[in-house]
């Protein structure tokens, strides 16, 4: 998972790594902070099967979480 920059920035919150590594069959969570205008209005494209947006935004902090079900390398886009 890579962060994006621009009018809205996505900043991983420690201990979340950038890029992130997950293991099939094990719980995964990637926590991040959004900044900028309308930072709460975003969506994801390309999340691995079994991982989804938590939908929780508190003070610009949110996450993606789940248990990956398929191995591979995924390019995830965060769309503001």
Protein backbone atom coordinates (compact mmCIF):
# COMPACT_ATOMS: atom_id res chain seq x y z
CA UNK A 1 0.00 0.00 0.00
CA UNK A 2 1.50 3.33 -1.00
CA UNK A 3 0.34 6.74 0.14
CA UNK A 4 -0.65 9.51 -2.27
CA UNK A 5 -0.05 13.25 -2.11
CA UNK A 6 -1.75 16.35 -3.45
CA UNK A 7 -4.64 18.49 -2.23
CA UNK A 8 -5.53 15.58 0.00
CA UNK A 9 -2.65 13.62 1.53
CA UNK A 10 -2.65 10.09 2.90
CA UNK A 11 -0.10 9.56 5.67
CA UNK A 12 0.49 6.10 7.20
CA UNK A 13 0.34 6.08 11.00
CA UNK A 14 2.99 4.06 12.81
CA UNK A 15 3.37 1.11 12.95
CA UNK A 16 1.73 0.93 9.50
CA UNK A 17 4.42 0.57 6.85
CA UNK A 18 4.49 2.15 3.42
CA UNK A 19 4.40 -0.01 1.34
CA UNK A 20 2.58 -2.54 3.52
CA UNK A 21 3.00 -6.31 3.56
CA UNK A 22 0.20 -8.70 4.49
CA UNK A 23 0.02 -12.49 4.89
CA UNK A 24 -2.78 -14.64 3.44
CA UNK A 25 -4.97 -15.94 6.26
CA UNK A 26 -3.71 -13.46 8.87
CA UNK A 27 -5.52 -10.33 10.09
CA UNK A 28 -4.20 -7.16 8.43
CA UNK A 29 -4.78 -3.49 9.32
CA UNK A 30 -3.25 -0.40 7.69
CA UNK A 31 -3.97 2.84 9.57
CA UNK A 32 -3.62 6.26 7.95
CA UNK A 33 -4.45 9.93 8.39
CA UNK A 34 -6.05 12.03 5.66
CA UNK A 35 -5.41 15.76 5.35
CA UNK A 36 -6.83 18.42 3.09
CA UNK A 37 -10.27 19.59 2.00
CA UNK A 38 -12.96 16.88 2.05
CA UNK A 39 -10.43 14.35 3.29
CA UNK A 40 -13.26 12.07 4.47
CA UNK A 41 -14.54 11.63 0.91
CA UNK A 42 -12.38 8.88 -0.54
CA UNK A 43 -12.64 5.38 -1.95
CA UNK A 44 -10.26 2.52 -2.71
CA UNK A 45 -9.50 0.64 -5.88
CA UNK A 46 -7.48 -2.57 -6.04
CA UNK A 47 -7.68 -3.79 -2.44
CA UNK A 48 -6.76 -7.49 -2.10
CA UNK A 49 -9.68 -9.91 -1.68
CA UNK A 50 -10.65 -10.06 2.01
CA UNK A 51 -9.42 -6.53 2.81
CA UNK A 52 -11.79 -3.54 2.86
CA UNK A 53 -12.12 0.07 3.91
CA UNK A 54 -13.09 0.27 7.58
CA UNK A 55 -15.34 3.21 6.76
CA UNK A 56 -14.39 4.86 10.06
CA UNK A 57 -13.03 8.38 9.91
CA UNK A 58 -12.22 10.07 13.21
CA UNK A 59 -10.24 13.31 13.06
CA UNK A 60 -9.00 12.23 9.63
CA UNK A 61 -7.82 8.80 10.87
CA UNK A 62 -9.10 5.66 9.13
CA UNK A 63 -7.90 2.22 8.06
CA UNK A 64 -8.25 -0.72 5.75
CA UNK A 65 -8.58 -4.05 7.47
CA UNK A 66 -9.38 -7.71 6.90
CA UNK A 67 -7.85 -11.10 6.25
CA UNK A 68 -6.30 -11.40 2.78
CA UNK A 69 -7.52 -14.49 0.94
CA UNK A 70 -5.31 -14.43 -2.19
CA UNK A 71 -1.55 -14.05 -2.55
CA UNK A 72 -0.13 -11.48 -4.93
CA UNK A 73 1.20 -7.98 -5.27
CA UNK A 74 -1.56 -5.37 -5.34
CA UNK A 75 -1.45 -1.74 -6.40
CA UNK A 76 -4.05 0.06 -4.31
CA UNK A 77 -5.35 3.48 -5.34
CA UNK A 78 -6.88 5.82 -2.79
CA UNK A 79 -9.24 8.12 -4.66
CA UNK A 80 -10.21 11.44 -3.08
